[in-house]
PDB file of N, CA and C in Angstrom:
ATOM      1  N   MET A   1     -46.978  11.336 125.151  1.00  0.00           N
ATOM      2  CA  MET A   1     -46.555  11.318 123.822  1.00  0.00           C
ATOM      3  C   MET A   1     -47.772  10.753 122.939  1.00  0.00           C
ATOM      4  N   PHE A   2     -47.883  11.475 121.788  1.00  0.00           N
ATOM      5  CA  PHE A   2     -49.038  11.075 120.900  1.00  0.00           C
ATOM      6  C   PHE A   2     -48.658   9.848 120.026  1.00  0.00           C
ATOM      7  N   GLU A   3     -49.556   8.865 120.078  1.00  0.00           N
ATOM      8  CA  GLU A   3     -49.425   7.694 119.413  1.00  0.00           C
ATOM      9  C   GLU A   3     -50.305   7.635 118.129  1.00  0.00           C
ATOM     10  N   ASP A   4     -49.557   7.359 116.989  1.00  0.00           N
ATOM     11  CA  ASP A   4     -50.266   7.392 115.632  1.00  0.00           C
ATOM     12  C   ASP A   4     -50.623   5.904 115.411  1.00  0.00           C
ATOM     13  N   PRO A   5     -51.976   5.594 115.117  1.00  0.00           N
ATOM     14  CA  PRO A   5     -52.211   4.256 114.804  1.00  0.00           C
ATOM     15  C   PRO A   5     -51.656   3.732 113.611  1.00  0.00           C
ATOM     16  N   ILE A   6     -51.430   4.646 112.665  1.00  0.00           N
ATOM     17  CA  ILE A   6     -50.934   4.104 111.346  1.00  0.00           C
ATOM     18  C   ILE A   6     -49.497   3.807 111.439  1.00  0.00           C
ATOM     19  N   VAL A   7     -48.740   4.739 112.313  1.00  0.00           N
ATOM     20  CA  VAL A   7     -47.327   4.409 112.464  1.00  0.00           C
ATOM     21  C   VAL A   7     -47.150   3.104 113.183  1.00  0.00           C
ATOM     22  N   ASP A   8     -47.953   2.846 114.184  1.00  0.00           N
ATOM     23  CA  ASP A   8     -48.013   1.635 114.981  1.00  0.00           C
ATOM     24  C   ASP A   8     -48.326   0.409 114.073  1.00  0.00           C
ATOM     25  N   GLU A   9     -49.207   0.559 113.125  1.00  0.00           N
ATOM     26  CA  GLU A   9     -49.448  -0.525 112.167  1.00  0.00           C
ATOM     27  C   GLU A   9     -48.372  -0.859 111.338  1.00  0.00           C
ATOM     28  N   VAL A  10     -47.586   0.218 110.836  1.00  0.00           N
ATOM     29  CA  VAL A  10     -46.484   0.011 109.972  1.00  0.00           C
ATOM     30  C   VAL A  10     -45.318  -0.616 110.743  1.00  0.00           C
ATOM     31  N   ARG A  11     -45.109  -0.149 111.937  1.00  0.00           N
ATOM     32  CA  ARG A  11     -44.118  -0.814 112.800  1.00  0.00           C
ATOM     33  C   ARG A  11     -44.420  -2.310 113.119  1.00  0.00           C
ATOM     34  N   ALA A  12     -45.672  -2.580 113.406  1.00  0.00           N
ATOM     35  CA  ALA A  12     -45.927  -3.962 113.668  1.00  0.00           C
ATOM     36  C   ALA A  12     -45.821  -4.907 112.344  1.00  0.00           C
ATOM     37  N   ALA A  13     -46.103  -4.412 111.230  1.00  0.00           N
ATOM     38  CA  ALA A  13     -45.826  -5.112 109.854  1.00  0.00           C
ATOM     39  C   ALA A  13     -44.415  -5.296 109.718  1.00  0.00           C
ATOM     40  N   ARG A  14     -43.586  -4.279 110.040  1.00  0.00           N
ATOM     41  CA  ARG A  14     -42.165  -4.382 109.801  1.00  0.00           C
ATOM     42  C   ARG A  14     -41.622  -5.503 110.730  1.00  0.00           C
ATOM     43  N   MET A  15     -42.064  -5.411 111.939  1.00  0.00           N
ATOM     44  CA  MET A  15     -41.550  -6.427 112.947  1.00  0.00           C
ATOM     45  C   MET A  15     -41.975  -7.801 112.559  1.00  0.00           C
ATOM     46  N   LYS A  16     -43.171  -8.024 112.087  1.00  0.00           N
ATOM     47  CA  LYS A  16     -43.737  -9.265 111.761  1.00  0.00           C
ATOM     48  C   LYS A  16     -42.806  -9.812 110.426  1.00  0.00           C
ATOM     49  N   HIS A  17     -42.608  -8.900 109.496  1.00  0.00           N
ATOM     50  CA  HIS A  17     -41.670  -9.266 108.395  1.00  0.00           C
ATOM     51  C   HIS A  17     -40.298  -9.625 108.693  1.00  0.00           C
ATOM     52  N   ALA A  18     -39.695  -8.860 109.716  1.00  0.00           N
ATOM     53  CA  ALA A  18     -38.362  -9.144 110.081  1.00  0.00           C
ATOM     54  C   ALA A  18     -38.271 -10.374 110.882  1.00  0.00           C
ATOM     55  N   ALA A  19     -39.307 -10.737 111.618  1.00  0.00           N
ATOM     56  CA  ALA A  19     -39.359 -12.006 112.396  1.00  0.00           C
ATOM     57  C   ALA A  19     -39.324 -13.226 111.519  1.00  0.00           C
ATOM     58  N   LYS A  20     -39.975 -13.174 110.286  1.00  0.00           N
ATOM     59  CA  LYS A  20     -40.030 -14.242 109.349  1.00  0.00           C
ATOM     60  C   LYS A  20     -38.559 -14.650 109.013  1.00  0.00           C
ATOM     61  N   PHE A  21     -37.626 -13.672 108.978  1.00  0.00           N
ATOM     62  CA  PHE A  21     -36.254 -13.999 108.527  1.00  0.00           C
ATOM     63  C   PHE A  21     -35.325 -13.968 109.730  1.00  0.00           C
ATOM     64  N   ASN A  22     -35.842 -14.122 110.933  1.00  0.00           N
ATOM     65  CA  ASN A  22     -35.117 -14.062 112.175  1.00  0.00           C
ATOM     66  C   ASN A  22     -34.170 -12.854 112.400  1.00  0.00           C
ATOM     67  N   PHE A  23     -34.743 -11.725 111.815  1.00  0.00           N
ATOM     68  CA  PHE A  23     -34.151 -10.410 111.959  1.00  0.00           C
ATOM     69  C   PHE A  23     -32.755 -10.348 111.307  1.00  0.00           C
ATOM     70  N   ASP A  24     -32.520 -11.179 110.221  1.00  0.00           N
ATOM     71  CA  ASP A  24     -31.330 -11.150 109.325  1.00  0.00           C
ATOM     72  C   ASP A  24     -31.405 -10.162 108.224  1.00  0.00           C
ATOM     73  N   LEU A  25     -30.685  -9.083 108.369  1.00  0.00           N
ATOM     74  CA  LEU A  25     -30.894  -7.914 107.505  1.00  0.00           C
ATOM     75  C   LEU A  25     -30.630  -8.390 105.912  1.00  0.00           C
ATOM     76  N   LYS A  26     -29.618  -9.218 105.728  1.00  0.00           N
ATOM     77  CA  LYS A  26     -29.350  -9.668 104.366  1.00  0.00           C
ATOM     78  C   LYS A  26     -30.559 -10.398 103.701  1.00  0.00           C
ATOM     79  N   LYS A  27     -31.215 -11.353 104.622  1.00  0.00           N
ATOM     80  CA  LYS A  27     -32.346 -12.057 104.089  1.00  0.00           C
ATOM     81  C   LYS A  27     -33.547 -11.191 103.990  1.00  0.00           C
ATOM     82  N   ILE A  28     -33.746 -10.149 104.831  1.00  0.00           N
ATOM     83  CA  ILE A  28     -34.815  -9.229 104.610  1.00  0.00           C
ATOM     84  C   ILE A  28     -34.640  -8.374 103.469  1.00  0.00           C
ATOM     85  N   ALA A  29     -33.529  -7.863 103.164  1.00  0.00           N
ATOM     86  CA  ALA A  29     -33.239  -6.996 102.027  1.00  0.00           C
ATOM     87  C   ALA A  29     -33.437  -7.881 100.776  1.00  0.00           C
ATOM     88  N   GLN A  30     -32.998  -9.078 100.674  1.00  0.00           N
ATOM     89  CA  GLN A  30     -33.191  -9.948  99.562  1.00  0.00           C
ATOM     90  C   GLN A  30     -34.666 -10.143  99.274  1.00  0.00           C
ATOM     91  N   ASP A  31     -35.436 -10.461 100.324  1.00  0.00           N
ATOM     92  CA  ASP A  31     -36.806 -10.660 100.075  1.00  0.00           C
ATOM     93  C   ASP A  31     -37.495  -9.444  99.598  1.00  0.00           C
ATOM     94  N   LEU A  32     -37.197  -8.208 100.097  1.00  0.00           N
ATOM     95  CA  LEU A  32     -37.761  -7.020  99.601  1.00  0.00           C
ATOM     96  C   LEU A  32     -37.362  -6.791  98.046  1.00  0.00           C
ATOM     97  N   LYS A  33     -36.091  -6.955  97.822  1.00  0.00           N
ATOM     98  CA  LYS A  33     -35.665  -6.834  96.411  1.00  0.00           C
ATOM     99  C   LYS A  33     -36.415  -7.781  95.385  1.00  0.00           C
ATOM    100  N   GLU A  34     -36.593  -9.031  95.854  1.00  0.00           N
ATOM    101  CA  GLU A  34     -37.462  -9.975  95.124  1.00  0.00           C
ATOM    102  C   GLU A  34     -38.868  -9.445  94.822  1.00  0.00           C
ATOM    103  N   LYS A  35     -39.463  -8.970  95.933  1.00  0.00           N
ATOM    104  CA  LYS A  35     -40.798  -8.330  95.849  1.00  0.00           C
ATOM    105  C   LYS A  35     -40.867  -7.190  94.903  1.00  0.00           C
ATOM    106  N   GLN A  36     -39.840  -6.335  95.000  1.00  0.00           N
ATOM    107  CA  GLN A  36     -39.852  -5.071  94.280  1.00  0.00           C
ATOM    108  C   GLN A  36     -39.607  -5.414  92.748  1.00  0.00           C
ATOM    109  N   SER A  37     -38.861  -6.560  92.388  1.00  0.00           N
ATOM    110  CA  SER A  37     -38.567  -6.757  91.066  1.00  0.00           C
ATOM    111  C   SER A  37     -39.771  -7.376  90.286  1.00  0.00           C
ATOM    112  N   LYS A  38     -40.780  -7.926  91.082  1.00  0.00           N
ATOM    113  CA  LYS A  38     -41.920  -8.397  90.517  1.00  0.00           C
ATOM    114  C   LYS A  38     -42.854  -7.318  90.217  1.00  0.00           C
ATOM    115  N   ARG A  39     -42.908  -6.137  90.611  1.00  0.00           N
ATOM    116  CA  ARG A  39     -43.693  -4.991  90.427  1.00  0.00           C
ATOM    117  C   ARG A  39     -43.505  -4.397  89.061  1.00  0.00           C
ATOM    118  N   LYS A  40     -44.454  -3.925  88.371  1.00  0.00           N
ATOM    119  CA  LYS A  40     -44.372  -3.125  87.068  1.00  0.00           C
ATOM    120  C   LYS A  40     -44.126  -1.701  87.571  1.00  0.00           C
ATOM    121  N   THR A  41     -43.324  -1.105  86.804  1.00  0.00           N
ATOM    122  CA  THR A  41     -43.130   0.407  86.939  1.00  0.00           C
ATOM    123  C   THR A  41     -43.700   1.085  85.801  1.00  0.00           C
ATOM    124  N   VAL A  42     -44.313   2.338  86.099  1.00  0.00           N
ATOM    125  CA  VAL A  42     -44.740   2.998  85.039  1.00  0.00           C
ATOM    126  C   VAL A  42     -44.075   4.465  85.086  1.00  0.00           C
ATOM    127  N   SER A  43     -43.703   4.921  83.939  1.00  0.00           N
ATOM    128  CA  SER A  43     -43.007   6.260  83.801  1.00  0.00           C
ATOM    129  C   SER A  43     -43.759   7.040  82.875  1.00  0.00           C
ATOM    130  N   TYR A  44     -43.948   8.252  83.253  1.00  0.00           N
ATOM    131  CA  TYR A  44     -44.643   9.229  82.335  1.00  0.00           C
ATOM    132  C   TYR A  44     -43.498  10.257  81.882  1.00  0.00           C
ATOM    133  N   SER A  45     -43.689  10.754  80.679  1.00  0.00           N
ATOM    134  CA  SER A  45     -42.754  11.714  80.265  1.00  0.00           C
ATOM    135  C   SER A  45     -43.286  13.113  80.941  1.00  0.00           C
ATOM    136  N   PRO A  46     -42.386  13.939  81.274  1.00  0.00           N
ATOM    137  CA  PRO A  46     -42.704  15.216  81.925  1.00  0.00           C
ATOM    138  C   PRO A  46     -43.497  16.114  80.931  1.00  0.00           C
ATOM    139  N   LYS A  47     -44.510  16.688  81.506  1.00  0.00           N
ATOM    140  CA  LYS A  47     -45.313  17.648  80.811  1.00  0.00           C
ATOM    141  C   LYS A  47     -44.554  18.925  80.588  1.00  0.00           C
ATOM    142  N   LYS A  48     -44.590  19.458  79.323  1.00  0.00           N
ATOM    143  CA  LYS A  48     -43.877  20.778  79.119  1.00  0.00           C
ATOM    144  C   LYS A  48     -45.014  21.657  78.552  1.00  0.00           C
ATOM    145  N   PRO A  49     -45.747  22.298  79.342  1.00  0.00           N
ATOM    146  CA  PRO A  49     -46.981  23.064  78.842  1.00  0.00           C
ATOM    147  C   PRO A  49     -46.633  24.350  77.934  1.00  0.00           C
ATOM    148  N   LEU A  50     -45.460  24.859  78.206  1.00  0.00           N
ATOM    149  CA  LEU A  50     -45.102  26.090  77.430  1.00  0.00           C
ATOM    150  C   LEU A  50     -44.150  25.762  76.117  1.00  0.00           C
ATOM    151  N   GLN A  51     -43.814  24.591  76.060  1.00  0.00           N
ATOM    152  CA  GLN A  51     -42.905  24.254  74.962  1.00  0.00           C
ATOM    153  C   GLN A  51     -43.568  24.457  73.629  1.00  0.00           C
ATOM    154  N   GLY A  52     -42.889  25.421  72.835  1.00  0.00           N
ATOM    155  CA  GLY A  52     -43.454  25.576  71.453  1.00  0.00           C
ATOM    156  C   GLY A  52     -44.466  26.702  71.442  1.00  0.00           C
ATOM    157  N   LYS A  53     -44.828  27.129  72.581  1.00  0.00           N
ATOM    158  CA  LYS A  53     -45.830  28.236  72.581  1.00  0.00           C
ATOM    159  C   LYS A  53     -45.164  29.595  72.731  1.00  0.00           C
ATOM    160  N   PRO A  54     -45.513  30.467  71.835  1.00  0.00           N
ATOM    161  CA  PRO A  54     -44.958  31.973  72.123  1.00  0.00           C
ATOM    162  C   PRO A  54     -45.531  32.683  73.291  1.00  0.00           C
ATOM    163  N   PHE A  55     -44.679  33.448  74.046  1.00  0.00           N
ATOM    164  CA  PHE A  55     -45.181  34.259  74.978  1.00  0.00           C
ATOM    165  C   PHE A  55     -44.209  35.441  75.102  1.00  0.00           C
ATOM    166  N   LYS A  56     -44.684  36.475  75.711  1.00  0.00           N
ATOM    167  CA  LYS A  56     -43.928  37.777  75.811  1.00  0.00           C
ATOM    168  C   LYS A  56     -43.940  38.386  77.186  1.00  0.00           C
ATOM    169  N   TYR A  57     -42.854  39.048  77.516  1.00  0.00           N
ATOM    170  CA  TYR A  57     -42.881  39.667  78.677  1.00  0.00           C
ATOM    171  C   TYR A  57     -43.220  41.182  78.561  1.00  0.00           C
ATOM    172  N   VAL A  58     -44.250  41.525  79.386  1.00  0.00           N
ATOM    173  CA  VAL A  58     -44.830  42.923  79.235  1.00  0.00           C
ATOM    174  C   VAL A  58     -43.936  43.837  79.798  1.00  0.00           C
ATOM    175  N   ASP A  59     -43.388  43.585  81.020  1.00  0.00           N
ATOM    176  CA  ASP A  59     -42.421  44.380  81.847  1.00  0.00           C
ATOM    177  C   ASP A  59     -41.518  43.580  82.633  1.00  0.00           C
ATOM    178  N   PRO A  60     -40.490  42.980  81.986  1.00  0.00           N
ATOM    179  CA  PRO A  60     -39.716  42.011  82.723  1.00  0.00           C
ATOM    180  C   PRO A  60     -38.980  42.539  83.798  1.00  0.00           C
ATOM    181  N   PHE A  61     -38.656  43.757  83.930  1.00  0.00           N
ATOM    182  CA  PHE A  61     -37.862  44.353  85.030  1.00  0.00           C
ATOM    183  C   PHE A  61     -38.805  45.200  85.977  1.00  0.00           C
ATOM    184  N   GLY A  62     -40.027  45.150  85.725  1.00  0.00           N
ATOM    185  CA  GLY A  62     -40.931  45.845  86.635  1.00  0.00           C
ATOM    186  C   GLY A  62     -41.132  45.192  87.991  1.00  0.00           C
ATOM    187  N   SER A  63     -41.617  45.833  89.003  1.00  0.00           N
ATOM    188  CA  SER A  63     -41.901  45.202  90.233  1.00  0.00           C
ATOM    189  C   SER A  63     -43.080  44.266  90.144  1.00  0.00           C
ATOM    190  N   VAL A  64     -42.996  43.205  91.007  1.00  0.00           N
ATOM    191  CA  VAL A  64     -43.939  42.305  91.058  1.00  0.00           C
ATOM    192  C   VAL A  64     -44.966  42.711  92.233  1.00  0.00           C
ATOM    193  N   ALA A  65     -46.133  42.820  91.958  1.00  0.00           N
ATOM    194  CA  ALA A  65     -47.226  43.031  92.943  1.00  0.00           C
ATOM    195  C   ALA A  65     -46.844  44.288  93.829  1.00  0.00           C
ATOM    196  N   GLU A  66     -46.425  45.292  93.370  1.00  0.00           N
ATOM    197  CA  GLU A  66     -45.967  46.413  94.049  1.00  0.00           C
ATOM    198  C   GLU A  66     -47.257  47.047  94.922  1.00  0.00           C
ATOM    199  N   ASP A  67     -48.232  46.934  94.208  1.00  0.00           N
ATOM    200  CA  ASP A  67     -49.427  47.624  94.916  1.00  0.00           C
ATOM    201  C   ASP A  67     -49.863  46.817  96.162  1.00  0.00           C
ATOM    202  N   ASP A  68     -49.402  45.500  96.253  1.00  0.00           N
ATOM    203  CA  ASP A  68     -49.841  44.774  97.438  1.00  0.00           C
ATOM    204  C   ASP A  68     -48.910  45.001  98.702  1.00  0.00           C
ATOM    205  N   TRP A  69     -47.836  45.740  98.543  1.00  0.00           N
ATOM    206  CA  TRP A  69     -47.003  45.965  99.728  1.00  0.00           C
ATOM    207  C   TRP A  69     -47.492  47.332 100.286  1.00  0.00           C
ATOM    208  N   GLU A  70     -47.949  47.148 101.554  1.00  0.00           N
ATOM    209  CA  GLU A  70     -48.485  48.143 102.268  1.00  0.00           C
ATOM    210  C   GLU A  70     -47.382  49.100 102.868  1.00  0.00           C
ATOM    211  N   VAL A  71     -46.251  48.640 103.025  1.00  0.00           N
ATOM    212  CA  VAL A  71     -45.041  49.458 103.493  1.00  0.00           C
ATOM    213  C   VAL A  71     -44.784  50.409 102.481  1.00  0.00           C
ATOM    214  N   LEU A  72     -44.834  50.237 101.137  1.00  0.00           N
ATOM    215  CA  LEU A  72     -44.493  51.100 100.072  1.00  0.00           C
ATOM    216  C   LEU A  72     -45.458  52.177  99.900  1.00  0.00           C
ATOM    217  N   LYS A  73     -46.655  52.091 100.489  1.00  0.00           N
ATOM    218  CA  LYS A  73     -47.629  53.092 100.287  1.00  0.00           C
ATOM    219  C   LYS A  73     -47.568  54.312 101.125  1.00  0.00           C
TER     220      LYS A  73
END
């Protein structure tokens, strides 16, 4: 079986962290929540590139890339 060194590293870090709290899930979760609450979060508004810009449909019901289908030729 293939062993990924990154996965092994993550698993080792997880085991080391869990061992600090004697593998008590409540204490581990509490610690992770505390660490997460100290981080800053950044949110960006979604980009809307077409908002407010006019555009038109040349042939809205026409076939798309019909020339690319070899079966139709």
